[in-house]
Every structure is written in structure tokens, then in C-alpha cells.
Amino acid sequence: MKLPVIKHLQKNNSAEALEHTIEVLESFTEHRSVSEQEMDVVGELITNLCGAVEMHQMIANGMSEKDAANGFAQKVLGSIDR
């Protein structure tokens, strides 16, 4: 997860475009010839894209961009600590 990348994706893309990209990447991972290294890269990309979608939702609910970014980061870090 890279917060600067997530913020960039959120600012420069609609939530719908991000969701379509996630769908394409998930489909890519389902092919049997995808290597473990490629899966790691795609997993990182999907994490960043999902973060941007979640930030879109938080901002749409009235949260500031800064608070949305911090909230997402705390959510991810909290799930890692469990």
C-alpha cells in the first residue's frame, strides 16, 4: 500500500473507472499462466486501487481528503496488527 499512489489515483480517476480496473486485474489473476511474482504485483495494484475507491466513498460522505487518506491507512494498519 502506497498512500501517495492511492491519493493520486483517487484524484485523477472516477470510482467507476477504478472499479473497472480492479475487475480487469482480478480477471487477469485467474489465468493459469500468471506467475507468483505477477500475482504479487497485481495484488499491490489492487490494494492501491481499492484504497482509492474507498477514499472516494469517504469523501462522498463528507470527509476531507486528508481525513479519508488517514482513515484508510489506519484501517489497513489496524487489520495488519490483528
PDB file of N, CA and C in Angstrom:
ATOM      1  N   MET A   1       0.839  -1.170   0.000  1.00  0.00           N
ATOM      2  CA  MET A   1       0.000   0.000   0.000  1.00  0.00           C
ATOM      3  C   MET A   1       0.887   1.237   0.000  1.00  0.00           C
ATOM      4  N   LYS A   2       0.623   2.107  -0.941  1.00  0.00           N
ATOM      5  CA  LYS A   2       1.369   3.354  -1.018  1.00  0.00           C
ATOM      6  C   LYS A   2       0.376   4.511  -1.025  1.00  0.00           C
ATOM      7  N   LEU A   3       0.286   5.214   0.102  1.00  0.00           N
ATOM      8  CA  LEU A   3      -0.694   6.271   0.260  1.00  0.00           C
ATOM      9  C   LEU A   3      -0.576   7.367  -0.804  1.00  0.00           C
ATOM     10  N   PRO A   4       0.633   7.810  -1.184  1.00  0.00           N
ATOM     11  CA  PRO A   4       0.704   8.817  -2.246  1.00  0.00           C
ATOM     12  C   PRO A   4       0.114   8.321  -3.576  1.00  0.00           C
ATOM     13  N   VAL A   5       0.309   7.049  -3.872  1.00  0.00           N
ATOM     14  CA  VAL A   5      -0.262   6.473  -5.098  1.00  0.00           C
ATOM     15  C   VAL A   5      -1.781   6.432  -4.992  1.00  0.00           C
ATOM     16  N   ILE A   6      -2.287   6.029  -3.834  1.00  0.00           N
ATOM     17  CA  ILE A   6      -3.729   5.961  -3.621  1.00  0.00           C
ATOM     18  C   ILE A   6      -4.354   7.337  -3.786  1.00  0.00           C
ATOM     19  N   LYS A   7      -3.745   8.349  -3.197  1.00  0.00           N
ATOM     20  CA  LYS A   7      -4.258   9.710  -3.316  1.00  0.00           C
ATOM     21  C   LYS A   7      -4.251  10.168  -4.772  1.00  0.00           C
ATOM     22  N   HIS A   8      -3.190   9.846  -5.494  1.00  0.00           N
ATOM     23  CA  HIS A   8      -3.097  10.209  -6.906  1.00  0.00           C
ATOM     24  C   HIS A   8      -4.206   9.537  -7.714  1.00  0.00           C
ATOM     25  N   LEU A   9      -4.405   8.241  -7.485  1.00  0.00           N
ATOM     26  CA  LEU A   9      -5.448   7.506  -8.200  1.00  0.00           C
ATOM     27  C   LEU A   9      -6.825   8.085  -7.897  1.00  0.00           C
ATOM     28  N   GLN A  10      -7.066   8.398  -6.637  1.00  0.00           N
ATOM     29  CA  GLN A  10      -8.368   8.932  -6.239  1.00  0.00           C
ATOM     30  C   GLN A  10      -8.637  10.282  -6.890  1.00  0.00           C
ATOM     31  N   LYS A  11      -7.626  11.135  -6.939  1.00  0.00           N
ATOM     32  CA  LYS A  11      -7.798  12.479  -7.505  1.00  0.00           C
ATOM     33  C   LYS A  11      -8.000  12.455  -9.019  1.00  0.00           C
ATOM     34  N   ASN A  12      -7.375  11.521  -9.703  1.00  0.00           N
ATOM     35  CA  ASN A  12      -7.330  11.561 -11.159  1.00  0.00           C
ATOM     36  C   ASN A  12      -8.229  10.556 -11.867  1.00  0.00           C
ATOM     37  N   ASN A  13      -9.037   9.804 -11.118  1.00  0.00           N
ATOM     38  CA  ASN A  13      -9.896   8.795 -11.721  1.00  0.00           C
ATOM     39  C   ASN A  13     -11.222   8.731 -10.985  1.00  0.00           C
ATOM     40  N   SER A  14     -12.268   8.413 -11.728  1.00  0.00           N
ATOM     41  CA  SER A  14     -13.571   8.228 -11.093  1.00  0.00           C
ATOM     42  C   SER A  14     -13.588   6.884 -10.372  1.00  0.00           C
ATOM     43  N   ALA A  15     -14.487   6.761  -9.408  1.00  0.00           N
ATOM     44  CA  ALA A  15     -14.629   5.493  -8.683  1.00  0.00           C
ATOM     45  C   ALA A  15     -15.009   4.382  -9.658  1.00  0.00           C
ATOM     46  N   GLU A  16     -15.840   4.708 -10.638  1.00  0.00           N
ATOM     47  CA  GLU A  16     -16.265   3.713 -11.626  1.00  0.00           C
ATOM     48  C   GLU A  16     -15.076   3.200 -12.444  1.00  0.00           C
ATOM     49  N   ALA A  17     -14.208   4.086 -12.884  1.00  0.00           N
ATOM     50  CA  ALA A  17     -13.027   3.673 -13.660  1.00  0.00           C
ATOM     51  C   ALA A  17     -12.111   2.795 -12.818  1.00  0.00           C
ATOM     52  N   LEU A  18     -11.941   3.146 -11.564  1.00  0.00           N
ATOM     53  CA  LEU A  18     -11.105   2.349 -10.670  1.00  0.00           C
ATOM     54  C   LEU A  18     -11.693   0.957 -10.468  1.00  0.00           C
ATOM     55  N   GLU A  19     -13.010   0.887 -10.299  1.00  0.00           N
ATOM     56  CA  GLU A  19     -13.665  -0.409 -10.108  1.00  0.00           C
ATOM     57  C   GLU A  19     -13.537  -1.295 -11.342  1.00  0.00           C
ATOM     58  N   HIS A  20     -13.638  -0.696 -12.520  1.00  0.00           N
ATOM     59  CA  HIS A  20     -13.461  -1.469 -13.759  1.00  0.00           C
ATOM     60  C   HIS A  20     -12.032  -2.005 -13.859  1.00  0.00           C
ATOM     61  N   THR A  21     -11.085  -1.196 -13.466  1.00  0.00           N
ATOM     62  CA  THR A  21      -9.688  -1.629 -13.499  1.00  0.00           C
ATOM     63  C   THR A  21      -9.460  -2.796 -12.543  1.00  0.00           C
ATOM     64  N   ILE A  22     -10.061  -2.726 -11.373  1.00  0.00           N
ATOM     65  CA  ILE A  22      -9.956  -3.824 -10.406  1.00  0.00           C
ATOM     66  C   ILE A  22     -10.516  -5.108 -11.004  1.00  0.00           C
ATOM     67  N   GLU A  23     -11.657  -4.999 -11.662  1.00  0.00           N
ATOM     68  CA  GLU A  23     -12.269  -6.171 -12.291  1.00  0.00           C
ATOM     69  C   GLU A  23     -11.345  -6.798 -13.332  1.00  0.00           C
ATOM     70  N   VAL A  24     -10.704  -5.970 -14.141  1.00  0.00           N
ATOM     71  CA  VAL A  24      -9.792  -6.480 -15.173  1.00  0.00           C
ATOM     72  C   VAL A  24      -8.595  -7.172 -14.528  1.00  0.00           C
ATOM     73  N   LEU A  25      -8.018  -6.568 -13.508  1.00  0.00           N
ATOM     74  CA  LEU A  25      -6.874  -7.180 -12.833  1.00  0.00           C
ATOM     75  C   LEU A  25      -7.251  -8.491 -12.152  1.00  0.00           C
ATOM     76  N   GLU A  26      -8.424  -8.539 -11.554  1.00  0.00           N
ATOM     77  CA  GLU A  26      -8.873  -9.788 -10.935  1.00  0.00           C
ATOM     78  C   GLU A  26      -9.036 -10.878 -11.990  1.00  0.00           C
ATOM     79  N   SER A  27      -9.562 -10.511 -13.139  1.00  0.00           N
ATOM     80  CA  SER A  27      -9.706 -11.479 -14.227  1.00  0.00           C
ATOM     81  C   SER A  27      -8.341 -11.977 -14.692  1.00  0.00           C
ATOM     82  N   PHE A  28      -7.382 -11.074 -14.768  1.00  0.00           N
ATOM     83  CA  PHE A  28      -6.019 -11.427 -15.167  1.00  0.00           C
ATOM     84  C   PHE A  28      -5.438 -12.497 -14.241  1.00  0.00           C
ATOM     85  N   THR A  29      -5.675 -12.335 -12.952  1.00  0.00           N
ATOM     86  CA  THR A  29      -5.089 -13.271 -11.980  1.00  0.00           C
ATOM     87  C   THR A  29      -5.686 -14.671 -12.060  1.00  0.00           C
ATOM     88  N   GLU A  30      -6.819 -14.792 -12.697  1.00  0.00           N
ATOM     89  CA  GLU A  30      -7.478 -16.094 -12.791  1.00  0.00           C
ATOM     90  C   GLU A  30      -6.868 -16.995 -13.869  1.00  0.00           C
ATOM     91  N   HIS A  31      -6.011 -16.441 -14.712  1.00  0.00           N
ATOM     92  CA  HIS A  31      -5.411 -17.261 -15.763  1.00  0.00           C
ATOM     93  C   HIS A  31      -4.286 -18.104 -15.174  1.00  0.00           C
ATOM     94  N   ARG A  32      -4.209 -19.334 -15.606  1.00  0.00           N
ATOM     95  CA  ARG A  32      -3.264 -20.296 -15.023  1.00  0.00           C
ATOM     96  C   ARG A  32      -1.799 -19.970 -15.286  1.00  0.00           C
ATOM     97  N   SER A  33      -1.511 -19.141 -16.290  1.00  0.00           N
ATOM     98  CA  SER A  33      -0.108 -18.857 -16.605  1.00  0.00           C
ATOM     99  C   SER A  33       0.465 -17.673 -15.827  1.00  0.00           C
ATOM    100  N   VAL A  34      -0.329 -17.063 -14.968  1.00  0.00           N
ATOM    101  CA  VAL A  34       0.143 -15.920 -14.191  1.00  0.00           C
ATOM    102  C   VAL A  34       1.094 -16.424 -13.109  1.00  0.00           C
ATOM    103  N   SER A  35       2.300 -15.854 -13.084  1.00  0.00           N
ATOM    104  CA  SER A  35       3.317 -16.294 -12.130  1.00  0.00           C
ATOM    105  C   SER A  35       3.062 -15.718 -10.733  1.00  0.00           C
ATOM    106  N   GLU A  36       3.737 -16.270  -9.758  1.00  0.00           N
ATOM    107  CA  GLU A  36       3.612 -15.806  -8.375  1.00  0.00           C
ATOM    108  C   GLU A  36       4.080 -14.350  -8.255  1.00  0.00           C
ATOM    109  N   GLN A  37       5.139 -14.004  -8.956  1.00  0.00           N
ATOM    110  CA  GLN A  37       5.645 -12.633  -8.926  1.00  0.00           C
ATOM    111  C   GLN A  37       4.617 -11.671  -9.523  1.00  0.00           C
ATOM    112  N   GLU A  38       3.989 -12.063 -10.617  1.00  0.00           N
ATOM    113  CA  GLU A  38       2.953 -11.227 -11.223  1.00  0.00           C
ATOM    114  C   GLU A  38       1.767 -11.071 -10.281  1.00  0.00           C
ATOM    115  N   MET A  39       1.435 -12.156  -9.581  1.00  0.00           N
ATOM    116  CA  MET A  39       0.333 -12.095  -8.622  1.00  0.00           C
ATOM    117  C   MET A  39       0.632 -11.093  -7.505  1.00  0.00           C
ATOM    118  N   ASP A  40       1.878 -11.056  -7.048  1.00  0.00           N
ATOM    119  CA  ASP A  40       2.269 -10.100  -6.009  1.00  0.00           C
ATOM    120  C   ASP A  40       2.105  -8.667  -6.492  1.00  0.00           C
ATOM    121  N   VAL A  41       2.538  -8.407  -7.714  1.00  0.00           N
ATOM    122  CA  VAL A  41       2.438  -7.058  -8.285  1.00  0.00           C
ATOM    123  C   VAL A  41       0.975  -6.666  -8.450  1.00  0.00           C
ATOM    124  N   VAL A  42       0.191  -7.560  -9.003  1.00  0.00           N
ATOM    125  CA  VAL A  42      -1.230  -7.272  -9.206  1.00  0.00           C
ATOM    126  C   VAL A  42      -1.929  -7.083  -7.863  1.00  0.00           C
ATOM    127  N   GLY A  43      -1.556  -7.860  -6.869  1.00  0.00           N
ATOM    128  CA  GLY A  43      -2.136  -7.692  -5.538  1.00  0.00           C
ATOM    129  C   GLY A  43      -1.865  -6.308  -4.976  1.00  0.00           C
ATOM    130  N   GLU A  44      -0.661  -5.819  -5.155  1.00  0.00           N
ATOM    131  CA  GLU A  44      -0.311  -4.470  -4.701  1.00  0.00           C
ATOM    132  C   GLU A  44      -1.123  -3.418  -5.461  1.00  0.00           C
ATOM    133  N   LEU A  45      -1.270  -3.606  -6.765  1.00  0.00           N
ATOM    134  CA  LEU A  45      -2.064  -2.675  -7.571  1.00  0.00           C
ATOM    135  C   LEU A  45      -3.520  -2.665  -7.116  1.00  0.00           C
ATOM    136  N   ILE A  46      -4.077  -3.830  -6.890  1.00  0.00           N
ATOM    137  CA  ILE A  46      -5.476  -3.923  -6.457  1.00  0.00           C
ATOM    138  C   ILE A  46      -5.660  -3.258  -5.098  1.00  0.00           C
ATOM    139  N   THR A  47      -4.711  -3.442  -4.201  1.00  0.00           N
ATOM    140  CA  THR A  47      -4.785  -2.798  -2.882  1.00  0.00           C
ATOM    141  C   THR A  47      -4.840  -1.284  -3.031  1.00  0.00           C
ATOM    142  N   ASN A  48      -3.975  -0.736  -3.861  1.00  0.00           N
ATOM    143  CA  ASN A  48      -3.955   0.712  -4.077  1.00  0.00           C
ATOM    144  C   ASN A  48      -5.246   1.198  -4.736  1.00  0.00           C
ATOM    145  N   LEU A  49      -5.743   0.453  -5.701  1.00  0.00           N
ATOM    146  CA  LEU A  49      -6.987   0.833  -6.377  1.00  0.00           C
ATOM    147  C   LEU A  49      -8.174   0.779  -5.418  1.00  0.00           C
ATOM    148  N   CYS A  50      -8.243  -0.260  -4.604  1.00  0.00           N
ATOM    149  CA  CYS A  50      -9.329  -0.373  -3.617  1.00  0.00           C
ATOM    150  C   CYS A  50      -9.264   0.772  -2.608  1.00  0.00           C
ATOM    151  N   GLY A  51      -8.060   1.151  -2.232  1.00  0.00           N
ATOM    152  CA  GLY A  51      -7.892   2.294  -1.337  1.00  0.00           C
ATOM    153  C   GLY A  51      -8.431   3.569  -1.949  1.00  0.00           C
ATOM    154  N   ALA A  52      -8.181   3.764  -3.228  1.00  0.00           N
ATOM    155  CA  ALA A  52      -8.674   4.957  -3.918  1.00  0.00           C
ATOM    156  C   ALA A  52     -10.199   4.948  -3.994  1.00  0.00           C
ATOM    157  N   VAL A  53     -10.784   3.773  -4.247  1.00  0.00           N
ATOM    158  CA  VAL A  53     -12.248   3.665  -4.277  1.00  0.00           C
ATOM    159  C   VAL A  53     -12.821   3.982  -2.895  1.00  0.00           C
ATOM    160  N   GLU A  54     -12.196   3.433  -1.870  1.00  0.00           N
ATOM    161  CA  GLU A  54     -12.672   3.688  -0.507  1.00  0.00           C
ATOM    162  C   GLU A  54     -12.548   5.170  -0.151  1.00  0.00           C
ATOM    163  N   MET A  55     -11.474   5.804  -0.578  1.00  0.00           N
ATOM    164  CA  MET A  55     -11.322   7.248  -0.335  1.00  0.00           C
ATOM    165  C   MET A  55     -12.431   8.027  -1.039  1.00  0.00           C
ATOM    166  N   HIS A  56     -12.766   7.631  -2.269  1.00  0.00           N
ATOM    167  CA  HIS A  56     -13.882   8.274  -2.985  1.00  0.00           C
ATOM    168  C   HIS A  56     -15.151   8.210  -2.146  1.00  0.00           C
ATOM    169  N   GLN A  57     -15.420   7.037  -1.576  1.00  0.00           N
ATOM    170  CA  GLN A  57     -16.636   6.850  -0.783  1.00  0.00           C
ATOM    171  C   GLN A  57     -16.612   7.713   0.474  1.00  0.00           C
ATOM    172  N   MET A  58     -15.473   7.766   1.148  1.00  0.00           N
ATOM    173  CA  MET A  58     -15.368   8.572   2.365  1.00  0.00           C
ATOM    174  C   MET A  58     -15.562  10.054   2.070  1.00  0.00           C
ATOM    175  N   ILE A  59     -14.958  10.506   0.979  1.00  0.00           N
ATOM    176  CA  ILE A  59     -15.077  11.916   0.593  1.00  0.00           C
ATOM    177  C   ILE A  59     -16.522  12.228   0.202  1.00  0.00           C
ATOM    178  N   ALA A  60     -17.181  11.300  -0.491  1.00  0.00           N
ATOM    179  CA  ALA A  60     -18.584  11.489  -0.864  1.00  0.00           C
ATOM    180  C   ALA A  60     -19.478  11.589   0.369  1.00  0.00           C
ATOM    181  N   ASN A  61     -19.052  10.983   1.469  1.00  0.00           N
ATOM    182  CA  ASN A  61     -19.814  11.037   2.723  1.00  0.00           C
ATOM    183  C   ASN A  61     -19.438  12.235   3.579  1.00  0.00           C
ATOM    184  N   GLY A  62     -18.666  13.165   3.017  1.00  0.00           N
ATOM    185  CA  GLY A  62     -18.376  14.417   3.703  1.00  0.00           C
ATOM    186  C   GLY A  62     -17.034  14.513   4.401  1.00  0.00           C
ATOM    187  N   MET A  63     -16.220  13.490   4.297  1.00  0.00           N
ATOM    188  CA  MET A  63     -14.912  13.511   4.948  1.00  0.00           C
ATOM    189  C   MET A  63     -13.926  14.298   4.072  1.00  0.00           C
ATOM    190  N   SER A  64     -12.984  14.980   4.692  1.00  0.00           N
ATOM    191  CA  SER A  64     -11.956  15.683   3.925  1.00  0.00           C
ATOM    192  C   SER A  64     -11.019  14.663   3.283  1.00  0.00           C
ATOM    193  N   GLU A  65     -10.309  15.091   2.244  1.00  0.00           N
ATOM    194  CA  GLU A  65      -9.374  14.193   1.562  1.00  0.00           C
ATOM    195  C   GLU A  65      -8.292  13.698   2.518  1.00  0.00           C
ATOM    196  N   LYS A  66      -7.787  14.597   3.336  1.00  0.00           N
ATOM    197  CA  LYS A  66      -6.736  14.235   4.296  1.00  0.00           C
ATOM    198  C   LYS A  66      -7.250  13.212   5.304  1.00  0.00           C
ATOM    199  N   ASP A  67      -8.439  13.449   5.846  1.00  0.00           N
ATOM    200  CA  ASP A  67      -9.011  12.516   6.818  1.00  0.00           C
ATOM    201  C   ASP A  67      -9.334  11.169   6.180  1.00  0.00           C
ATOM    202  N   ALA A  68      -9.783  11.190   4.925  1.00  0.00           N
ATOM    203  CA  ALA A  68     -10.082   9.942   4.214  1.00  0.00           C
ATOM    204  C   ALA A  68      -8.807   9.127   4.012  1.00  0.00           C
ATOM    205  N   ALA A  69      -7.731   9.788   3.628  1.00  0.00           N
ATOM    206  CA  ALA A  69      -6.459   9.093   3.424  1.00  0.00           C
ATOM    207  C   ALA A  69      -5.947   8.513   4.739  1.00  0.00           C
ATOM    208  N   ASN A  70      -5.997   9.302   5.790  1.00  0.00           N
ATOM    209  CA  ASN A  70      -5.547   8.823   7.102  1.00  0.00           C
ATOM    210  C   ASN A  70      -6.441   7.704   7.619  1.00  0.00           C
ATOM    211  N   GLY A  71      -7.736   7.830   7.399  1.00  0.00           N
ATOM    212  CA  GLY A  71      -8.670   6.798   7.841  1.00  0.00           C
ATOM    213  C   GLY A  71      -8.422   5.473   7.148  1.00  0.00           C
ATOM    214  N   PHE A  72      -8.170   5.528   5.848  1.00  0.00           N
ATOM    215  CA  PHE A  72      -7.886   4.296   5.122  1.00  0.00           C
ATOM    216  C   PHE A  72      -6.582   3.676   5.602  1.00  0.00           C
ATOM    217  N   ALA A  73      -5.558   4.497   5.768  1.00  0.00           N
ATOM    218  CA  ALA A  73      -4.261   3.982   6.228  1.00  0.00           C
ATOM    219  C   ALA A  73      -4.393   3.325   7.594  1.00  0.00           C
ATOM    220  N   GLN A  74      -5.128   3.952   8.505  1.00  0.00           N
ATOM    221  CA  GLN A  74      -5.323   3.384   9.837  1.00  0.00           C
ATOM    222  C   GLN A  74      -6.104   2.067   9.775  1.00  0.00           C
ATOM    223  N   LYS A  75      -7.080   2.005   8.877  1.00  0.00           N
ATOM    224  CA  LYS A  75      -7.862   0.780   8.716  1.00  0.00           C
ATOM    225  C   LYS A  75      -6.973  -0.368   8.258  1.00  0.00           C
ATOM    226  N   VAL A  76      -6.101  -0.110   7.295  1.00  0.00           N
ATOM    227  CA  VAL A  76      -5.203  -1.134   6.781  1.00  0.00           C
ATOM    228  C   VAL A  76      -4.208  -1.545   7.871  1.00  0.00           C
ATOM    229  N   LEU A  77      -3.612  -0.580   8.517  1.00  0.00           N
ATOM    230  CA  LEU A  77      -2.636  -0.890   9.566  1.00  0.00           C
ATOM    231  C   LEU A  77      -3.303  -1.631  10.723  1.00  0.00           C
ATOM    232  N   GLY A  78      -4.537  -1.292  11.035  1.00  0.00           N
ATOM    233  CA  GLY A  78      -5.266  -1.987  12.098  1.00  0.00           C
ATOM    234  C   GLY A  78      -5.542  -3.433  11.743  1.00  0.00           C
ATOM    235  N   SER A  79      -5.822  -3.703  10.458  1.00  0.00           N
ATOM    236  CA  SER A  79      -6.074  -5.086  10.055  1.00  0.00           C
ATOM    237  C   SER A  79      -4.792  -5.902  10.030  1.00  0.00           C
ATOM    238  N   ILE A  80      -3.661  -5.263   9.818  1.00  0.00           N
ATOM    239  CA  ILE A  80      -2.371  -5.960   9.824  1.00  0.00           C
ATOM    240  C   ILE A  80      -1.987  -6.361  11.247  1.00  0.00           C
ATOM    241  N   ASP A  81      -2.307  -5.498  12.201  1.00  0.00           N
ATOM    242  CA  ASP A  81      -1.950  -5.754  13.599  1.00  0.00           C
ATOM    243  C   ASP A  81      -2.731  -6.908  14.214  1.00  0.00           C
ATOM    244  N   ARG A  82      -3.849  -7.257  13.639  1.00  0.00           N
ATOM    245  CA  ARG A  82      -4.695  -8.328  14.215  1.00  0.00           C
ATOM    246  C   ARG A  82      -4.118  -9.676  14.036  1.00  0.00           C
TER     247      ARG A  82
END
